[in-house]
Amino acid sequence: MRDFKKYNVWKLSHQLTLDIYTISKKFPSIETYGITSQIRRASSSIPTNISEGCGRDSDAEFNRFLTISLGSASETEYLLILSKDLDYIGKDSYDRLNTQVNTIKQKIYSLKQKLI
């Protein structure tokens, strides 16, 4: 069994989730059950699936959960674009968070390649 806390990509995705929760506190209250909830679920799904995959028995199963994490990272990336375009986050915040999510996507992809 792998220890997910030792993976740099898990640490980065956990930090992204914390950052998303912090910034989304400022979203309009009408978005509580809309984009606020969705971006929080999408971002938290990244480290959650890495963690769950680490608890699986095989590289193939771990790889499958990394694929799910990659999908959640892409969803988060889109929701960041939407948040910026709706003026819920500023350009500086968007740039910082977008860089984080794309770094995570690259690291997940790289880890998947090592498992093949």
N, C-alpha and C. Protein backbone atom coordinates (compact mmCIF):
# COMPACT_ATOMS: atom_id res chain seq x y z
N MET A 1 0.83 -1.18 0.00
CA MET A 1 0.00 0.00 0.00
C MET A 1 0.88 1.25 0.00
N ARG A 2 0.51 2.20 -0.82
CA ARG A 2 1.26 3.45 -0.94
C ARG A 2 0.77 4.46 0.12
N ASP A 3 1.66 5.36 0.51
CA ASP A 3 1.30 6.44 1.43
C ASP A 3 1.07 7.70 0.59
N PHE A 4 -0.19 8.08 0.42
CA PHE A 4 -0.51 9.21 -0.46
C PHE A 4 0.13 10.51 0.00
N LYS A 5 0.38 10.64 1.30
CA LYS A 5 0.96 11.89 1.83
C LYS A 5 2.40 12.11 1.37
N LYS A 6 3.02 11.06 0.83
CA LYS A 6 4.40 11.18 0.35
C LYS A 6 4.47 11.65 -1.10
N TYR A 7 3.35 11.69 -1.78
CA TYR A 7 3.33 12.11 -3.18
C TYR A 7 3.23 13.63 -3.27
N ASN A 8 4.18 14.23 -3.97
CA ASN A 8 4.18 15.67 -4.15
C ASN A 8 2.90 16.15 -4.83
N VAL A 9 2.39 15.39 -5.78
CA VAL A 9 1.18 15.78 -6.48
C VAL A 9 -0.02 15.80 -5.54
N TRP A 10 -0.04 14.92 -4.55
CA TRP A 10 -1.11 14.97 -3.56
C TRP A 10 -0.99 16.24 -2.73
N LYS A 11 0.23 16.56 -2.29
CA LYS A 11 0.44 17.78 -1.49
C LYS A 11 0.02 19.02 -2.26
N LEU A 12 0.39 19.08 -3.54
CA LEU A 12 0.03 20.24 -4.37
C LEU A 12 -1.49 20.33 -4.57
N SER A 13 -2.12 19.18 -4.78
CA SER A 13 -3.57 19.20 -5.01
C SER A 13 -4.33 19.50 -3.71
N HIS A 14 -3.79 19.08 -2.59
CA HIS A 14 -4.41 19.43 -1.30
C HIS A 14 -4.32 20.94 -1.10
N GLN A 15 -3.17 21.53 -1.41
CA GLN A 15 -3.01 22.98 -1.27
C GLN A 15 -3.93 23.73 -2.22
N LEU A 16 -4.07 23.23 -3.44
CA LEU A 16 -5.00 23.85 -4.39
C LEU A 16 -6.42 23.84 -3.81
N THR A 17 -6.82 22.74 -3.23
CA THR A 17 -8.16 22.64 -2.64
C THR A 17 -8.33 23.66 -1.53
N LEU A 18 -7.33 23.79 -0.66
CA LEU A 18 -7.40 24.79 0.40
C LEU A 18 -7.52 26.20 -0.19
N ASP A 19 -6.76 26.47 -1.23
CA ASP A 19 -6.80 27.79 -1.89
C ASP A 19 -8.16 28.05 -2.53
N ILE A 20 -8.73 27.02 -3.16
CA ILE A 20 -10.06 27.15 -3.78
C ILE A 20 -11.11 27.44 -2.71
N TYR A 21 -11.04 26.73 -1.59
CA TYR A 21 -12.00 26.97 -0.51
C TYR A 21 -11.88 28.40 -0.01
N THR A 22 -10.67 28.89 0.14
CA THR A 22 -10.47 30.26 0.63
C THR A 22 -11.03 31.28 -0.34
N ILE A 23 -10.69 31.15 -1.61
CA ILE A 23 -11.12 32.16 -2.58
C ILE A 23 -12.61 32.08 -2.86
N SER A 24 -13.18 30.88 -2.80
CA SER A 24 -14.61 30.73 -3.12
C SER A 24 -15.51 31.24 -1.98
N LYS A 25 -14.94 31.52 -0.82
CA LYS A 25 -15.72 32.14 0.26
C LYS A 25 -16.25 33.51 -0.17
N LYS A 26 -15.58 34.12 -1.14
CA LYS A 26 -15.94 35.47 -1.60
C LYS A 26 -16.94 35.45 -2.76
N PHE A 27 -17.29 34.25 -3.24
CA PHE A 27 -18.25 34.15 -4.34
C PHE A 27 -19.62 34.65 -3.85
N PRO A 28 -20.47 35.12 -4.75
CA PRO A 28 -21.80 35.58 -4.35
C PRO A 28 -22.61 34.47 -3.67
N SER A 29 -23.44 34.86 -2.74
CA SER A 29 -24.23 33.87 -2.00
C SER A 29 -25.19 33.11 -2.91
N ILE A 30 -25.59 33.70 -4.04
CA ILE A 30 -26.48 32.98 -4.97
C ILE A 30 -25.79 31.78 -5.59
N GLU A 31 -24.45 31.72 -5.48
CA GLU A 31 -23.68 30.61 -6.06
C GLU A 31 -23.36 29.51 -5.04
N THR A 32 -23.89 29.62 -3.84
CA THR A 32 -23.58 28.63 -2.79
C THR A 32 -23.80 27.21 -3.27
N TYR A 33 -24.91 26.97 -3.96
CA TYR A 33 -25.23 25.62 -4.43
C TYR A 33 -24.90 25.44 -5.91
N GLY A 34 -24.26 26.45 -6.48
CA GLY A 34 -23.88 26.40 -7.88
C GLY A 34 -22.37 26.25 -8.01
N ILE A 35 -21.74 27.26 -8.57
CA ILE A 35 -20.31 27.18 -8.88
C ILE A 35 -19.44 27.02 -7.63
N THR A 36 -19.85 27.61 -6.51
CA THR A 36 -19.06 27.46 -5.28
C THR A 36 -18.96 26.00 -4.89
N SER A 37 -20.09 25.34 -4.85
CA SER A 37 -20.11 23.92 -4.49
C SER A 37 -19.37 23.09 -5.53
N GLN A 38 -19.60 23.39 -6.80
CA GLN A 38 -19.01 22.57 -7.86
C GLN A 38 -17.49 22.68 -7.91
N ILE A 39 -16.95 23.89 -7.78
CA ILE A 39 -15.49 24.05 -7.85
C ILE A 39 -14.83 23.45 -6.61
N ARG A 40 -15.50 23.51 -5.48
CA ARG A 40 -14.96 22.88 -4.27
C ARG A 40 -14.95 21.36 -4.41
N ARG A 41 -16.03 20.79 -4.94
CA ARG A 41 -16.09 19.34 -5.12
C ARG A 41 -15.07 18.87 -6.15
N ALA A 42 -14.95 19.62 -7.24
CA ALA A 42 -14.01 19.23 -8.30
C ALA A 42 -12.57 19.27 -7.79
N SER A 43 -12.21 20.35 -7.10
CA SER A 43 -10.82 20.47 -6.62
C SER A 43 -10.52 19.44 -5.54
N SER A 44 -11.46 19.20 -4.64
CA SER A 44 -11.20 18.22 -3.58
C SER A 44 -11.18 16.79 -4.11
N SER A 45 -11.80 16.57 -5.25
CA SER A 45 -11.79 15.25 -5.86
C SER A 45 -10.40 14.86 -6.36
N ILE A 46 -9.56 15.84 -6.65
CA ILE A 46 -8.21 15.54 -7.14
C ILE A 46 -7.41 14.80 -6.07
N PRO A 47 -7.18 15.39 -4.88
CA PRO A 47 -6.41 14.66 -3.87
C PRO A 47 -7.17 13.45 -3.30
N THR A 48 -8.50 13.53 -3.30
CA THR A 48 -9.29 12.41 -2.79
C THR A 48 -9.06 11.15 -3.63
N ASN A 49 -9.08 11.30 -4.94
CA ASN A 49 -8.87 10.13 -5.81
C ASN A 49 -7.43 9.65 -5.80
N ILE A 50 -6.49 10.56 -5.64
CA ILE A 50 -5.09 10.12 -5.47
C ILE A 50 -4.97 9.29 -4.21
N SER A 51 -5.59 9.76 -3.13
CA SER A 51 -5.57 9.03 -1.86
C SER A 51 -6.21 7.66 -1.98
N GLU A 52 -7.38 7.63 -2.60
CA GLU A 52 -8.07 6.35 -2.75
C GLU A 52 -7.28 5.38 -3.62
N GLY A 53 -6.70 5.89 -4.69
CA GLY A 53 -5.89 5.05 -5.57
C GLY A 53 -4.69 4.46 -4.86
N CYS A 54 -4.12 5.22 -3.93
CA CYS A 54 -2.97 4.71 -3.17
C CYS A 54 -3.35 3.52 -2.30
N GLY A 55 -4.61 3.43 -1.94
CA GLY A 55 -5.07 2.33 -1.10
C GLY A 55 -5.43 1.08 -1.88
N ARG A 56 -5.30 1.14 -3.18
CA ARG A 56 -5.64 -0.02 -4.02
C ARG A 56 -4.45 -0.95 -4.17
N ASP A 57 -4.72 -2.15 -4.63
CA ASP A 57 -3.71 -3.21 -4.65
C ASP A 57 -2.76 -3.21 -5.84
N SER A 58 -3.17 -2.61 -6.94
CA SER A 58 -2.34 -2.74 -8.14
C SER A 58 -2.05 -1.38 -8.78
N ASP A 59 -1.02 -1.36 -9.61
CA ASP A 59 -0.69 -0.16 -10.37
C ASP A 59 -1.83 0.20 -11.32
N ALA A 60 -2.49 -0.80 -11.88
CA ALA A 60 -3.59 -0.55 -12.81
C ALA A 60 -4.75 0.18 -12.10
N GLU A 61 -5.06 -0.26 -10.89
CA GLU A 61 -6.12 0.41 -10.13
C GLU A 61 -5.70 1.83 -9.75
N PHE A 62 -4.46 1.99 -9.32
CA PHE A 62 -3.94 3.32 -8.98
C PHE A 62 -4.02 4.22 -10.20
N ASN A 63 -3.65 3.70 -11.35
CA ASN A 63 -3.69 4.46 -12.60
C ASN A 63 -5.11 4.91 -12.92
N ARG A 64 -6.08 4.05 -12.69
CA ARG A 64 -7.49 4.39 -12.94
C ARG A 64 -7.93 5.58 -12.08
N PHE A 65 -7.52 5.58 -10.81
CA PHE A 65 -7.87 6.69 -9.92
C PHE A 65 -7.12 7.97 -10.29
N LEU A 66 -5.91 7.83 -10.82
CA LEU A 66 -5.19 9.01 -11.31
C LEU A 66 -5.91 9.60 -12.52
N THR A 67 -6.48 8.74 -13.36
CA THR A 67 -7.26 9.22 -14.51
C THR A 67 -8.46 10.02 -14.04
N ILE A 68 -9.12 9.55 -13.01
CA ILE A 68 -10.26 10.28 -12.44
C ILE A 68 -9.79 11.63 -11.88
N SER A 69 -8.63 11.62 -11.20
CA SER A 69 -8.06 12.87 -10.67
C SER A 69 -7.77 13.85 -11.78
N LEU A 70 -7.26 13.35 -12.88
CA LEU A 70 -6.95 14.19 -14.04
C LEU A 70 -8.23 14.83 -14.59
N GLY A 71 -9.29 14.07 -14.64
CA GLY A 71 -10.58 14.61 -15.08
C GLY A 71 -11.07 15.70 -14.14
N SER A 72 -10.92 15.49 -12.85
CA SER A 72 -11.33 16.49 -11.86
C SER A 72 -10.47 17.75 -11.97
N ALA A 73 -9.20 17.58 -12.29
CA ALA A 73 -8.32 18.74 -12.47
C ALA A 73 -8.77 19.55 -13.69
N SER A 74 -9.16 18.88 -14.75
CA SER A 74 -9.66 19.58 -15.94
C SER A 74 -10.97 20.30 -15.63
N GLU A 75 -11.82 19.66 -14.86
CA GLU A 75 -13.07 20.30 -14.45
C GLU A 75 -12.78 21.55 -13.62
N THR A 76 -11.84 21.44 -12.70
CA THR A 76 -11.44 22.58 -11.88
C THR A 76 -10.90 23.70 -12.75
N GLU A 77 -10.09 23.34 -13.74
CA GLU A 77 -9.52 24.34 -14.65
C GLU A 77 -10.63 25.11 -15.35
N TYR A 78 -11.64 24.40 -15.86
CA TYR A 78 -12.75 25.10 -16.52
C TYR A 78 -13.50 26.00 -15.53
N LEU A 79 -13.77 25.50 -14.34
CA LEU A 79 -14.52 26.29 -13.36
C LEU A 79 -13.75 27.54 -12.93
N LEU A 80 -12.43 27.48 -12.97
CA LEU A 80 -11.63 28.67 -12.72
C LEU A 80 -11.82 29.69 -13.85
N ILE A 81 -11.84 29.21 -15.09
CA ILE A 81 -12.10 30.10 -16.23
C ILE A 81 -13.47 30.76 -16.07
N LEU A 82 -14.46 29.96 -15.76
CA LEU A 82 -15.82 30.48 -15.57
C LEU A 82 -15.86 31.51 -14.44
N SER A 83 -15.20 31.21 -13.34
CA SER A 83 -15.16 32.13 -12.20
C SER A 83 -14.53 33.46 -12.58
N LYS A 84 -13.47 33.39 -13.37
CA LYS A 84 -12.81 34.61 -13.85
C LYS A 84 -13.73 35.38 -14.77
N ASP A 85 -14.35 34.69 -15.71
CA ASP A 85 -15.21 35.35 -16.69
C ASP A 85 -16.46 35.95 -16.05
N LEU A 86 -16.90 35.41 -14.93
CA LEU A 86 -18.03 35.96 -14.19
C LEU A 86 -17.59 37.04 -13.19
N ASP A 87 -16.30 37.33 -13.19
CA ASP A 87 -15.71 38.32 -12.27
C ASP A 87 -15.84 37.94 -10.80
N TYR A 88 -15.83 36.62 -10.53
CA TYR A 88 -15.83 36.15 -9.15
C TYR A 88 -14.41 36.12 -8.59
N ILE A 89 -13.43 35.97 -9.48
CA ILE A 89 -12.02 36.04 -9.07
C ILE A 89 -11.30 36.97 -10.04
N GLY A 90 -10.26 37.61 -9.53
CA GLY A 90 -9.47 38.52 -10.34
C GLY A 90 -8.44 37.77 -11.18
N LYS A 91 -7.83 38.51 -12.08
CA LYS A 91 -6.85 37.93 -12.98
C LYS A 91 -5.66 37.34 -12.24
N ASP A 92 -5.16 38.03 -11.21
CA ASP A 92 -4.01 37.52 -10.46
C ASP A 92 -4.33 36.19 -9.77
N SER A 93 -5.49 36.12 -9.14
CA SER A 93 -5.90 34.87 -8.49
C SER A 93 -6.09 33.77 -9.52
N TYR A 94 -6.73 34.12 -10.62
CA TYR A 94 -6.94 33.14 -11.68
C TYR A 94 -5.60 32.60 -12.18
N ASP A 95 -4.67 33.50 -12.47
CA ASP A 95 -3.37 33.08 -13.00
C ASP A 95 -2.65 32.15 -12.03
N ARG A 96 -2.69 32.49 -10.75
CA ARG A 96 -2.02 31.67 -9.74
C ARG A 96 -2.67 30.29 -9.63
N LEU A 97 -3.99 30.25 -9.55
CA LEU A 97 -4.71 28.98 -9.41
C LEU A 97 -4.62 28.14 -10.69
N ASN A 98 -4.68 28.80 -11.83
CA ASN A 98 -4.56 28.09 -13.11
C ASN A 98 -3.18 27.46 -13.25
N THR A 99 -2.15 28.17 -12.83
CA THR A 99 -0.80 27.61 -12.84
C THR A 99 -0.72 26.39 -11.93
N GLN A 100 -1.32 26.48 -10.76
CA GLN A 100 -1.33 25.35 -9.82
C GLN A 100 -2.01 24.14 -10.45
N VAL A 101 -3.19 24.34 -11.02
CA VAL A 101 -3.94 23.20 -11.55
C VAL A 101 -3.22 22.59 -12.75
N ASN A 102 -2.58 23.40 -13.57
CA ASN A 102 -1.86 22.84 -14.72
C ASN A 102 -0.58 22.11 -14.30
N THR A 103 0.06 22.57 -13.26
CA THR A 103 1.20 21.84 -12.70
C THR A 103 0.75 20.48 -12.18
N ILE A 104 -0.37 20.46 -11.50
CA ILE A 104 -0.93 19.21 -10.98
C ILE A 104 -1.27 18.26 -12.13
N LYS A 105 -1.89 18.78 -13.18
CA LYS A 105 -2.22 17.93 -14.32
C LYS A 105 -0.97 17.31 -14.94
N GLN A 106 0.08 18.10 -15.07
CA GLN A 106 1.33 17.58 -15.63
C GLN A 106 1.91 16.49 -14.74
N LYS A 107 1.86 16.69 -13.42
CA LYS A 107 2.43 15.72 -12.49
C LYS A 107 1.60 14.43 -12.45
N ILE A 108 0.29 14.55 -12.54
CA ILE A 108 -0.54 13.35 -12.60
C ILE A 108 -0.24 12.57 -13.87
N TYR A 109 -0.16 13.26 -14.98
CA TYR A 109 0.13 12.60 -16.25
C TYR A 109 1.48 11.89 -16.18
N SER A 110 2.48 12.57 -15.62
CA SER A 110 3.81 11.98 -15.49
C SER A 110 3.78 10.73 -14.60
N LEU A 111 3.05 10.81 -13.50
CA LEU A 111 2.94 9.65 -12.60
C LEU A 111 2.23 8.50 -13.31
N LYS A 112 1.19 8.81 -14.08
CA LYS A 112 0.49 7.76 -14.84
C LYS A 112 1.44 7.07 -15.80
N GLN A 113 2.30 7.82 -16.46
CA GLN A 113 3.26 7.24 -17.42
C GLN A 113 4.22 6.27 -16.73
N LYS A 114 4.59 6.56 -15.51
CA LYS A 114 5.49 5.68 -14.76
C LYS A 114 4.81 4.37 -14.38
N LEU A 115 3.50 4.38 -14.30
CA LEU A 115 2.76 3.17 -13.89
C LEU A 115 2.47 2.24 -15.05
N ILE A 116 2.58 2.75 -16.26
CA ILE A 116 2.23 1.94 -17.44
C ILE A 116 3.30 0.88 -17.68
